[in-house]
PDB file of N, CA and C in Angstrom:
ATOM      1  N   MET A   1     -53.343 -12.320  -3.845  1.00  0.00           N
ATOM      2  CA  MET A   1     -53.191 -12.190  -5.374  1.00  0.00           C
ATOM      3  C   MET A   1     -53.765 -10.940  -5.842  1.00  0.00           C
ATOM      4  N   PHE A   2     -52.962 -10.232  -6.687  1.00  0.00           N
ATOM      5  CA  PHE A   2     -53.272  -9.025  -7.266  1.00  0.00           C
ATOM      6  C   PHE A   2     -54.398  -9.154  -8.284  1.00  0.00           C
ATOM      7  N   GLU A   3     -55.488  -8.499  -8.230  1.00  0.00           N
ATOM      8  CA  GLU A   3     -56.524  -8.599  -9.203  1.00  0.00           C
ATOM      9  C   GLU A   3     -56.729  -7.187  -9.927  1.00  0.00           C
ATOM     10  N   ARG A   4     -56.595  -6.971 -11.175  1.00  0.00           N
ATOM     11  CA  ARG A   4     -56.873  -5.746 -11.909  1.00  0.00           C
ATOM     12  C   ARG A   4     -58.416  -5.552 -12.000  1.00  0.00           C
ATOM     13  N   ASN A   5     -58.755  -4.294 -11.898  1.00  0.00           N
ATOM     14  CA  ASN A   5     -60.099  -3.907 -12.143  1.00  0.00           C
ATOM     15  C   ASN A   5     -60.507  -3.957 -13.482  1.00  0.00           C
ATOM     16  N   LYS A   6     -61.781  -3.916 -13.890  1.00  0.00           N
ATOM     17  CA  LYS A   6     -62.232  -3.971 -15.207  1.00  0.00           C
ATOM     18  C   LYS A   6     -62.040  -2.616 -15.904  1.00  0.00           C
ATOM     19  N   LEU A   7     -62.072  -1.525 -15.246  1.00  0.00           N
ATOM     20  CA  LEU A   7     -61.813  -0.198 -15.602  1.00  0.00           C
ATOM     21  C   LEU A   7     -60.821   0.520 -14.812  1.00  0.00           C
ATOM     22  N   VAL A   8     -59.716   0.951 -15.447  1.00  0.00           N
ATOM     23  CA  VAL A   8     -58.663   1.639 -14.612  1.00  0.00           C
ATOM     24  C   VAL A   8     -58.152   2.842 -15.497  1.00  0.00           C
ATOM     25  N   PRO A   9     -58.239   4.057 -14.926  1.00  0.00           N
ATOM     26  CA  PRO A   9     -57.831   5.227 -15.629  1.00  0.00           C
ATOM     27  C   PRO A   9     -56.258   5.193 -15.886  1.00  0.00           C
ATOM     28  N   GLU A  10     -55.935   5.656 -16.946  1.00  0.00           N
ATOM     29  CA  GLU A  10     -54.361   5.781 -17.252  1.00  0.00           C
ATOM     30  C   GLU A  10     -54.111   7.231 -17.444  1.00  0.00           C
ATOM     31  N   LEU A  11     -53.348   7.847 -16.584  1.00  0.00           N
ATOM     32  CA  LEU A  11     -52.990   9.235 -16.557  1.00  0.00           C
ATOM     33  C   LEU A  11     -51.681   9.477 -17.182  1.00  0.00           C
ATOM     34  N   MET A  12     -51.544  10.464 -18.050  1.00  0.00           N
ATOM     35  CA  MET A  12     -50.244  10.797 -18.619  1.00  0.00           C
ATOM     36  C   MET A  12     -49.504  11.822 -17.709  1.00  0.00           C
ATOM     37  N   VAL A  13     -48.201  11.590 -17.367  1.00  0.00           N
ATOM     38  CA  VAL A  13     -47.561  12.418 -16.521  1.00  0.00           C
ATOM     39  C   VAL A  13     -46.287  12.929 -17.192  1.00  0.00           C
ATOM     40  N   THR A  14     -45.802  14.083 -16.698  1.00  0.00           N
ATOM     41  CA  THR A  14     -44.451  14.540 -17.268  1.00  0.00           C
ATOM     42  C   THR A  14     -43.301  13.940 -16.640  1.00  0.00           C
ATOM     43  N   ASN A  15     -43.382  13.421 -15.351  1.00  0.00           N
ATOM     44  CA  ASN A  15     -42.317  12.857 -14.666  1.00  0.00           C
ATOM     45  C   ASN A  15     -42.879  11.736 -13.837  1.00  0.00           C
ATOM     46  N   LEU A  16     -42.540  10.594 -14.201  1.00  0.00           N
ATOM     47  CA  LEU A  16     -43.059   9.413 -13.424  1.00  0.00           C
ATOM     48  C   LEU A  16     -42.544   9.366 -11.977  1.00  0.00           C
ATOM     49  N   ASP A  17     -41.294   9.699 -11.767  1.00  0.00           N
ATOM     50  CA  ASP A  17     -40.749   9.480 -10.422  1.00  0.00           C
ATOM     51  C   ASP A  17     -41.395  10.463  -9.469  1.00  0.00           C
ATOM     52  N   SER A  18     -41.611  11.736  -9.889  1.00  0.00           N
ATOM     53  CA  SER A  18     -42.302  12.771  -8.996  1.00  0.00           C
ATOM     54  C   SER A  18     -43.820  12.418  -8.918  1.00  0.00           C
ATOM     55  N   SER A  19     -44.437  11.843  -9.914  1.00  0.00           N
ATOM     56  CA  SER A  19     -45.768  11.394  -9.826  1.00  0.00           C
ATOM     57  C   SER A  19     -46.004  10.212  -8.803  1.00  0.00           C
ATOM     58  N   LEU A  20     -44.933   9.244  -8.849  1.00  0.00           N
ATOM     59  CA  LEU A  20     -44.990   8.146  -7.940  1.00  0.00           C
ATOM     60  C   LEU A  20     -44.834   8.726  -6.480  1.00  0.00           C
ATOM     61  N   ALA A  21     -43.913   9.679  -6.341  1.00  0.00           N
ATOM     62  CA  ALA A  21     -43.691  10.222  -5.029  1.00  0.00           C
ATOM     63  C   ALA A  21     -45.090  10.728  -4.468  1.00  0.00           C
ATOM     64  N   PHE A  22     -45.829  11.392  -5.259  1.00  0.00           N
ATOM     65  CA  PHE A  22     -47.121  11.856  -4.752  1.00  0.00           C
ATOM     66  C   PHE A  22     -48.090  10.774  -4.538  1.00  0.00           C
ATOM     67  N   TRP A  23     -48.343   9.814  -5.486  1.00  0.00           N
ATOM     68  CA  TRP A  23     -49.308   8.709  -5.442  1.00  0.00           C
ATOM     69  C   TRP A  23     -48.916   7.754  -4.391  1.00  0.00           C
ATOM     70  N   VAL A  24     -47.728   7.513  -4.207  1.00  0.00           N
ATOM     71  CA  VAL A  24     -47.155   6.426  -3.310  1.00  0.00           C
ATOM     72  C   VAL A  24     -46.997   7.021  -1.834  1.00  0.00           C
ATOM     73  N   SER A  25     -46.104   8.077  -1.871  1.00  0.00           N
ATOM     74  CA  SER A  25     -45.596   8.720  -0.496  1.00  0.00           C
ATOM     75  C   SER A  25     -46.834   9.392   0.177  1.00  0.00           C
ATOM     76  N   CYS A  26     -47.520  10.358  -0.640  1.00  0.00           N
ATOM     77  CA  CYS A  26     -48.567  11.095  -0.103  1.00  0.00           C
ATOM     78  C   CYS A  26     -50.008  10.398   0.026  1.00  0.00           C
ATOM     79  N   LEU A  27     -50.369   9.661  -1.078  1.00  0.00           N
ATOM     80  CA  LEU A  27     -51.742   9.059  -1.043  1.00  0.00           C
ATOM     81  C   LEU A  27     -51.756   7.630  -0.524  1.00  0.00           C
ATOM     82  N   GLY A  28     -50.560   6.891  -0.476  1.00  0.00           N
ATOM     83  CA  GLY A  28     -50.535   5.611   0.076  1.00  0.00           C
ATOM     84  C   GLY A  28     -50.697   4.503  -0.932  1.00  0.00           C
ATOM     85  N   PHE A  29     -50.765   4.818  -2.242  1.00  0.00           N
ATOM     86  CA  PHE A  29     -50.833   3.609  -3.147  1.00  0.00           C
ATOM     87  C   PHE A  29     -49.664   2.808  -3.068  1.00  0.00           C
ATOM     88  N   LYS A  30     -49.697   1.565  -3.505  1.00  0.00           N
ATOM     89  CA  LYS A  30     -48.605   0.670  -3.667  1.00  0.00           C
ATOM     90  C   LYS A  30     -48.384   0.435  -5.130  1.00  0.00           C
ATOM     91  N   ILE A  31     -47.171   0.199  -5.583  1.00  0.00           N
ATOM     92  CA  ILE A  31     -46.977  -0.145  -7.020  1.00  0.00           C
ATOM     93  C   ILE A  31     -47.163  -1.581  -7.243  1.00  0.00           C
ATOM     94  N   ALA A  32     -48.215  -1.947  -7.966  1.00  0.00           N
ATOM     95  CA  ALA A  32     -48.569  -3.214  -8.232  1.00  0.00           C
ATOM     96  C   ALA A  32     -47.591  -3.947  -9.169  1.00  0.00           C
ATOM     97  N   TYR A  33     -47.207  -3.169 -10.259  1.00  0.00           N
ATOM     98  CA  TYR A  33     -46.049  -3.532 -11.155  1.00  0.00           C
ATOM     99  C   TYR A  33     -45.790  -2.176 -12.031  1.00  0.00           C
ATOM    100  N   GLN A  34     -44.610  -2.300 -12.527  1.00  0.00           N
ATOM    101  CA  GLN A  34     -44.166  -1.206 -13.371  1.00  0.00           C
ATOM    102  C   GLN A  34     -43.159  -1.669 -14.415  1.00  0.00           C
ATOM    103  N   ARG A  35     -43.095  -0.796 -15.431  1.00  0.00           N
ATOM    104  CA  ARG A  35     -42.022  -0.952 -16.479  1.00  0.00           C
ATOM    105  C   ARG A  35     -41.300   0.263 -16.590  1.00  0.00           C
ATOM    106  N   PRO A  36     -40.232   0.389 -15.763  1.00  0.00           N
ATOM    107  CA  PRO A  36     -39.430   1.658 -15.719  1.00  0.00           C
ATOM    108  C   PRO A  36     -39.003   2.092 -17.132  1.00  0.00           C
ATOM    109  N   GLU A  37     -38.606   1.090 -17.917  1.00  0.00           N
ATOM    110  CA  GLU A  37     -38.102   1.396 -19.155  1.00  0.00           C
ATOM    111  C   GLU A  37     -39.080   2.001 -20.068  1.00  0.00           C
ATOM    112  N   ASP A  38     -40.331   1.880 -19.820  1.00  0.00           N
ATOM    113  CA  ASP A  38     -41.467   2.453 -20.628  1.00  0.00           C
ATOM    114  C   ASP A  38     -42.109   3.693 -19.875  1.00  0.00           C
ATOM    115  N   GLY A  39     -41.460   3.968 -18.706  1.00  0.00           N
ATOM    116  CA  GLY A  39     -42.206   5.111 -18.001  1.00  0.00           C
ATOM    117  C   GLY A  39     -43.576   4.819 -17.528  1.00  0.00           C
ATOM    118  N   PHE A  40     -43.817   3.569 -17.096  1.00  0.00           N
ATOM    119  CA  PHE A  40     -45.074   3.171 -16.675  1.00  0.00           C
ATOM    120  C   PHE A  40     -45.268   2.593 -15.322  1.00  0.00           C
ATOM    121  N   ALA A  41     -46.299   2.758 -14.588  1.00  0.00           N
ATOM    122  CA  ALA A  41     -46.530   2.174 -13.329  1.00  0.00           C
ATOM    123  C   ALA A  41     -48.004   1.862 -13.125  1.00  0.00           C
ATOM    124  N   TYR A  42     -48.347   0.800 -12.512  1.00  0.00           N
ATOM    125  CA  TYR A  42     -49.660   0.438 -12.236  1.00  0.00           C
ATOM    126  C   TYR A  42     -49.875   0.384 -10.735  1.00  0.00           C
ATOM    127  N   LEU A  43     -50.789   1.236 -10.210  1.00  0.00           N
ATOM    128  CA  LEU A  43     -50.874   1.448  -8.719  1.00  0.00           C
ATOM    129  C   LEU A  43     -52.117   0.917  -8.331  1.00  0.00           C
ATOM    130  N   ASP A  44     -52.086   0.613  -6.984  1.00  0.00           N
ATOM    131  CA  ASP A  44     -53.263   0.004  -6.318  1.00  0.00           C
ATOM    132  C   ASP A  44     -53.244   0.485  -4.772  1.00  0.00           C
ATOM    133  N   LEU A  45     -54.505   0.833  -4.378  1.00  0.00           N
ATOM    134  CA  LEU A  45     -54.759   1.120  -2.900  1.00  0.00           C
ATOM    135  C   LEU A  45     -56.002   0.537  -2.540  1.00  0.00           C
ATOM    136  N   ASN A  46     -55.879  -0.697  -2.094  1.00  0.00           N
ATOM    137  CA  ASN A  46     -57.030  -1.396  -1.529  1.00  0.00           C
ATOM    138  C   ASN A  46     -58.144  -1.585  -2.654  1.00  0.00           C
ATOM    139  N   GLY A  47     -57.755  -1.807  -3.952  1.00  0.00           N
ATOM    140  CA  GLY A  47     -58.630  -1.918  -4.960  1.00  0.00           C
ATOM    141  C   GLY A  47     -58.989  -0.731  -5.853  1.00  0.00           C
ATOM    142  N   ALA A  48     -58.487   0.367  -5.373  1.00  0.00           N
ATOM    143  CA  ALA A  48     -58.573   1.608  -6.148  1.00  0.00           C
ATOM    144  C   ALA A  48     -57.316   1.585  -6.988  1.00  0.00           C
ATOM    145  N   GLN A  49     -57.476   1.672  -8.315  1.00  0.00           N
ATOM    146  CA  GLN A  49     -56.363   1.434  -9.184  1.00  0.00           C
ATOM    147  C   GLN A  49     -56.209   2.573 -10.172  1.00  0.00           C
ATOM    148  N   VAL A  50     -54.963   2.817 -10.510  1.00  0.00           N
ATOM    149  CA  VAL A  50     -54.730   3.859 -11.570  1.00  0.00           C
ATOM    150  C   VAL A  50     -53.297   3.598 -12.271  1.00  0.00           C
ATOM    151  N   MET A  51     -53.240   3.870 -13.496  1.00  0.00           N
ATOM    152  CA  MET A  51     -52.035   3.702 -14.357  1.00  0.00           C
ATOM    153  C   MET A  51     -51.372   5.038 -14.436  1.00  0.00           C
ATOM    154  N   LEU A  52     -50.101   5.036 -14.397  1.00  0.00           N
ATOM    155  CA  LEU A  52     -49.420   6.275 -14.830  1.00  0.00           C
ATOM    156  C   LEU A  52     -48.481   6.036 -15.869  1.00  0.00           C
ATOM    157  N   GLU A  53     -48.418   6.906 -16.893  1.00  0.00           N
ATOM    158  CA  GLU A  53     -47.506   6.756 -18.005  1.00  0.00           C
ATOM    159  C   GLU A  53     -46.848   8.085 -18.312  1.00  0.00           C
ATOM    160  N   GLN A  54     -45.497   8.061 -18.310  1.00  0.00           N
ATOM    161  CA  GLN A  54     -44.862   9.270 -18.633  1.00  0.00           C
ATOM    162  C   GLN A  54     -44.735   9.591 -20.142  1.00  0.00           C
ATOM    163  N   ILE A  55     -45.050  10.862 -20.309  1.00  0.00           N
ATOM    164  CA  ILE A  55     -45.071  11.246 -21.657  1.00  0.00           C
ATOM    165  C   ILE A  55     -43.718  11.171 -22.350  1.00  0.00           C
ATOM    166  N   ASP A  56     -43.659  10.565 -23.523  1.00  0.00           N
ATOM    167  CA  ASP A  56     -42.372  10.367 -24.252  1.00  0.00           C
ATOM    168  C   ASP A  56     -42.630  10.667 -25.802  1.00  0.00           C
ATOM    169  N   SER A  57     -42.236  11.792 -26.281  1.00  0.00           N
ATOM    170  CA  SER A  57     -42.547  12.181 -27.703  1.00  0.00           C
ATOM    171  C   SER A  57     -42.122  11.160 -28.723  1.00  0.00           C
ATOM    172  N   ASP A  58     -41.131  10.303 -28.281  1.00  0.00           N
ATOM    173  CA  ASP A  58     -40.408   9.346 -29.172  1.00  0.00           C
ATOM    174  C   ASP A  58     -41.044   8.011 -29.009  1.00  0.00           C
ATOM    175  N   ALA A  59     -42.051   7.820 -28.225  1.00  0.00           N
ATOM    176  CA  ALA A  59     -42.564   6.429 -27.969  1.00  0.00           C
ATOM    177  C   ALA A  59     -43.787   6.065 -28.607  1.00  0.00           C
ATOM    178  N   GLY A  60     -44.264   6.928 -29.576  1.00  0.00           N
ATOM    179  CA  GLY A  60     -45.498   6.574 -30.437  1.00  0.00           C
ATOM    180  C   GLY A  60     -46.704   6.551 -29.546  1.00  0.00           C
ATOM    181  N   GLN A  61     -46.927   7.188 -28.479  1.00  0.00           N
ATOM    182  CA  GLN A  61     -48.057   7.225 -27.663  1.00  0.00           C
ATOM    183  C   GLN A  61     -49.203   7.842 -28.328  1.00  0.00           C
ATOM    184  N   TRP A  62     -50.425   7.193 -28.078  1.00  0.00           N
ATOM    185  CA  TRP A  62     -51.608   7.727 -28.698  1.00  0.00           C
ATOM    186  C   TRP A  62     -52.138   8.958 -27.931  1.00  0.00           C
ATOM    187  N   LEU A  63     -52.033  10.165 -28.492  1.00  0.00           N
ATOM    188  CA  LEU A  63     -52.642  11.270 -27.715  1.00  0.00           C
ATOM    189  C   LEU A  63     -53.679  11.935 -28.522  1.00  0.00           C
ATOM    190  N   ALA A  64     -54.841  12.130 -28.047  1.00  0.00           N
ATOM    191  CA  ALA A  64     -55.974  12.763 -28.792  1.00  0.00           C
ATOM    192  C   ALA A  64     -55.812  14.134 -29.065  1.00  0.00           C
ATOM    193  N   ALA A  65     -54.971  14.859 -28.398  1.00  0.00           N
ATOM    194  CA  ALA A  65     -54.821  16.346 -28.571  1.00  0.00           C
ATOM    195  C   ALA A  65     -53.528  16.663 -27.913  1.00  0.00           C
ATOM    196  N   PRO A  66     -53.035  17.923 -28.270  1.00  0.00           N
ATOM    197  CA  PRO A  66     -51.679  18.317 -27.546  1.00  0.00           C
ATOM    198  C   PRO A  66     -51.924  18.370 -26.050  1.00  0.00           C
ATOM    199  N   LEU A  67     -51.094  17.999 -25.296  1.00  0.00           N
ATOM    200  CA  LEU A  67     -51.189  18.164 -23.865  1.00  0.00           C
ATOM    201  C   LEU A  67     -50.696  19.388 -23.358  1.00  0.00           C
ATOM    202  N   ILE A  68     -51.632  20.000 -22.630  1.00  0.00           N
ATOM    203  CA  ILE A  68     -51.421  21.331 -22.014  1.00  0.00           C
ATOM    204  C   ILE A  68     -51.753  21.318 -20.556  1.00  0.00           C
ATOM    205  N   LYS A  69     -50.675  21.867 -19.719  1.00  0.00           N
ATOM    206  CA  LYS A  69     -50.889  21.704 -18.227  1.00  0.00           C
ATOM    207  C   LYS A  69     -51.951  22.865 -17.856  1.00  0.00           C
ATOM    208  N   PRO A  70     -52.688  22.463 -16.824  1.00  0.00           N
ATOM    209  CA  PRO A  70     -52.669  21.224 -16.029  1.00  0.00           C
ATOM    210  C   PRO A  70     -53.358  20.098 -16.790  1.00  0.00           C
ATOM    211  N   PHE A  71     -52.780  18.962 -16.761  1.00  0.00           N
ATOM    212  CA  PHE A  71     -53.354  17.719 -17.371  1.00  0.00           C
ATOM    213  C   PHE A  71     -54.556  17.407 -16.524  1.00  0.00           C
ATOM    214  N   GLY A  72     -55.498  16.578 -17.110  1.00  0.00           N
ATOM    215  CA  GLY A  72     -56.653  16.097 -16.289  1.00  0.00           C
ATOM    216  C   GLY A  72     -57.739  16.989 -16.153  1.00  0.00           C
ATOM    217  N   ARG A  73     -57.820  18.123 -16.775  1.00  0.00           N
ATOM    218  CA  ARG A  73     -58.995  19.008 -16.617  1.00  0.00           C
ATOM    219  C   ARG A  73     -60.162  18.260 -17.001  1.00  0.00           C
ATOM    220  N   GLY A  74     -61.315  18.371 -16.220  1.00  0.00           N
ATOM    221  CA  GLY A  74     -62.461  17.681 -16.465  1.00  0.00           C
ATOM    222  C   GLY A  74     -62.609  16.289 -15.886  1.00  0.00           C
ATOM    223  N   ILE A  75     -61.572  15.900 -15.154  1.00  0.00           N
ATOM    224  CA  ILE A  75     -61.806  14.609 -14.583  1.00  0.00           C
ATOM    225  C   ILE A  75     -61.672  14.673 -13.075  1.00  0.00           C
ATOM    226  N   ASN A  76     -62.499  13.967 -12.421  1.00  0.00           N
ATOM    227  CA  ASN A  76     -62.537  13.832 -10.989  1.00  0.00           C
ATOM    228  C   ASN A  76     -62.295  12.406 -10.631  1.00  0.00           C
ATOM    229  N   LEU A  77     -61.497  12.149  -9.739  1.00  0.00           N
ATOM    230  CA  LEU A  77     -61.372  10.706  -9.197  1.00  0.00           C
ATOM    231  C   LEU A  77     -61.736  10.661  -7.698  1.00  0.00           C
ATOM    232  N   GLN A  78     -62.601   9.693  -7.373  1.00  0.00           N
ATOM    233  CA  GLN A  78     -62.983   9.474  -6.125  1.00  0.00           C
ATOM    234  C   GLN A  78     -62.457   8.051  -5.663  1.00  0.00           C
ATOM    235  N   ILE A  79     -61.609   8.240  -4.468  1.00  0.00           N
ATOM    236  CA  ILE A  79     -60.835   7.113  -3.925  1.00  0.00           C
ATOM    237  C   ILE A  79     -61.356   6.875  -2.546  1.00  0.00           C
ATOM    238  N   ASP A  80     -61.944   5.580  -2.266  1.00  0.00           N
ATOM    239  CA  ASP A  80     -62.191   5.373  -0.879  1.00  0.00           C
ATOM    240  C   ASP A  80     -60.945   4.941  -0.102  1.00  0.00           C
ATOM    241  N   VAL A  81     -60.795   5.480   1.044  1.00  0.00           N
ATOM    242  CA  VAL A  81     -59.559   5.150   1.892  1.00  0.00           C
ATOM    243  C   VAL A  81     -60.042   4.888   3.364  1.00  0.00           C
ATOM    244  N   GLU A  82     -59.247   4.117   4.125  1.00  0.00           N
ATOM    245  CA  GLU A  82     -59.587   3.765   5.520  1.00  0.00           C
ATOM    246  C   GLU A  82     -59.627   4.963   6.343  1.00  0.00           C
ATOM    247  N   ALA A  83     -58.687   5.933   6.139  1.00  0.00           N
ATOM    248  CA  ALA A  83     -58.595   7.172   6.948  1.00  0.00           C
ATOM    249  C   ALA A  83     -57.953   8.240   6.129  1.00  0.00           C
ATOM    250  N   VAL A  84     -58.739   9.352   6.136  1.00  0.00           N
ATOM    251  CA  VAL A  84     -58.225  10.550   5.296  1.00  0.00           C
ATOM    252  C   VAL A  84     -57.345  11.382   5.984  1.00  0.00           C
ATOM    253  N   ALA A  85     -57.354  11.432   7.437  1.00  0.00           N
ATOM    254  CA  ALA A  85     -56.492  12.380   8.152  1.00  0.00           C
ATOM    255  C   ALA A  85     -55.007  12.221   7.948  1.00  0.00           C
ATOM    256  N   PRO A  86     -54.495  10.909   7.910  1.00  0.00           N
ATOM    257  CA  PRO A  86     -53.064  10.848   7.565  1.00  0.00           C
ATOM    258  C   PRO A  86     -52.673  11.294   6.252  1.00  0.00           C
ATOM    259  N   ILE A  87     -53.613  11.035   5.298  1.00  0.00           N
ATOM    260  CA  ILE A  87     -53.251  11.496   3.837  1.00  0.00           C
ATOM    261  C   ILE A  87     -53.223  13.020   3.763  1.00  0.00           C
ATOM    262  N   ILE A  88     -54.169  13.698   4.442  1.00  0.00           N
ATOM    263  CA  ILE A  88     -54.139  15.169   4.535  1.00  0.00           C
ATOM    264  C   ILE A  88     -52.926  15.635   5.182  1.00  0.00           C
ATOM    265  N   GLN A  89     -52.413  15.054   6.283  1.00  0.00           N
ATOM    266  CA  GLN A  89     -51.191  15.457   6.736  1.00  0.00           C
ATOM    267  C   GLN A  89     -50.045  15.240   5.959  1.00  0.00           C
ATOM    268  N   LYS A  90     -49.945  14.153   5.106  1.00  0.00           N
ATOM    269  CA  LYS A  90     -48.823  13.988   4.259  1.00  0.00           C
ATOM    270  C   LYS A  90     -48.845  14.895   3.092  1.00  0.00           C
ATOM    271  N   LEU A  91     -50.019  15.305   2.630  1.00  0.00           N
ATOM    272  CA  LEU A  91     -50.201  16.261   1.606  1.00  0.00           C
ATOM    273  C   LEU A  91     -49.785  17.612   2.046  1.00  0.00           C
ATOM    274  N   ASP A  92     -50.065  17.911   3.223  1.00  0.00           N
ATOM    275  CA  ASP A  92     -49.690  19.232   3.857  1.00  0.00           C
ATOM    276  C   ASP A  92     -48.156  19.335   4.017  1.00  0.00           C
ATOM    277  N   LEU A  93     -47.635  18.255   4.534  1.00  0.00           N
ATOM    278  CA  LEU A  93     -46.013  18.164   4.616  1.00  0.00           C
ATOM    279  C   LEU A  93     -45.384  18.275   3.329  1.00  0.00           C
ATOM    280  N   ALA A  94     -45.934  17.702   2.254  1.00  0.00           N
ATOM    281  CA  ALA A  94     -45.298  17.751   0.882  1.00  0.00           C
ATOM    282  C   ALA A  94     -45.603  18.993   0.194  1.00  0.00           C
ATOM    283  N   GLY A  95     -46.458  19.908   0.821  1.00  0.00           N
ATOM    284  CA  GLY A  95     -46.691  21.233   0.238  1.00  0.00           C
ATOM    285  C   GLY A  95     -47.841  21.198  -0.854  1.00  0.00           C
ATOM    286  N   PHE A  96     -48.680  20.220  -0.823  1.00  0.00           N
ATOM    287  CA  PHE A  96     -49.884  20.172  -1.832  1.00  0.00           C
ATOM    288  C   PHE A  96     -51.127  20.689  -1.121  1.00  0.00           C
ATOM    289  N   PRO A  97     -51.598  21.998  -1.537  1.00  0.00           N
ATOM    290  CA  PRO A  97     -52.760  22.478  -0.861  1.00  0.00           C
ATOM    291  C   PRO A  97     -53.998  21.720  -1.361  1.00  0.00           C
ATOM    292  N   LEU A  98     -55.015  21.828  -0.425  1.00  0.00           N
ATOM    293  CA  LEU A  98     -56.268  21.180  -0.694  1.00  0.00           C
ATOM    294  C   LEU A  98     -57.202  22.124  -1.377  1.00  0.00           C
ATOM    295  N   TYR A  99     -58.082  21.599  -2.174  1.00  0.00           N
ATOM    296  CA  TYR A  99     -59.026  22.574  -2.863  1.00  0.00           C
ATOM    297  C   TYR A  99     -60.360  22.304  -2.096  1.00  0.00           C
TER     298      TYR A  99
END
């Protein structure tokens, strides 16, 4: 049974499909549930959870300030995983450089 954490970050994204490709295909998250019509997905990786919401200027979303790329400045996410090597390999194959 899927259990939601008490605190889950929700990240605004410009393209949900490409963001899901990164989070699911590269990082190994699973889609716990989604509302494609709202551009929303709730992801889980062994209890590490994050929500993704596609920016939609017509949806009445609450934004504290204008969104300027790169989004997420000032936030760091730590995710415990069983093995990091396969994730690094997938990131490399997808063209995402590590910092």
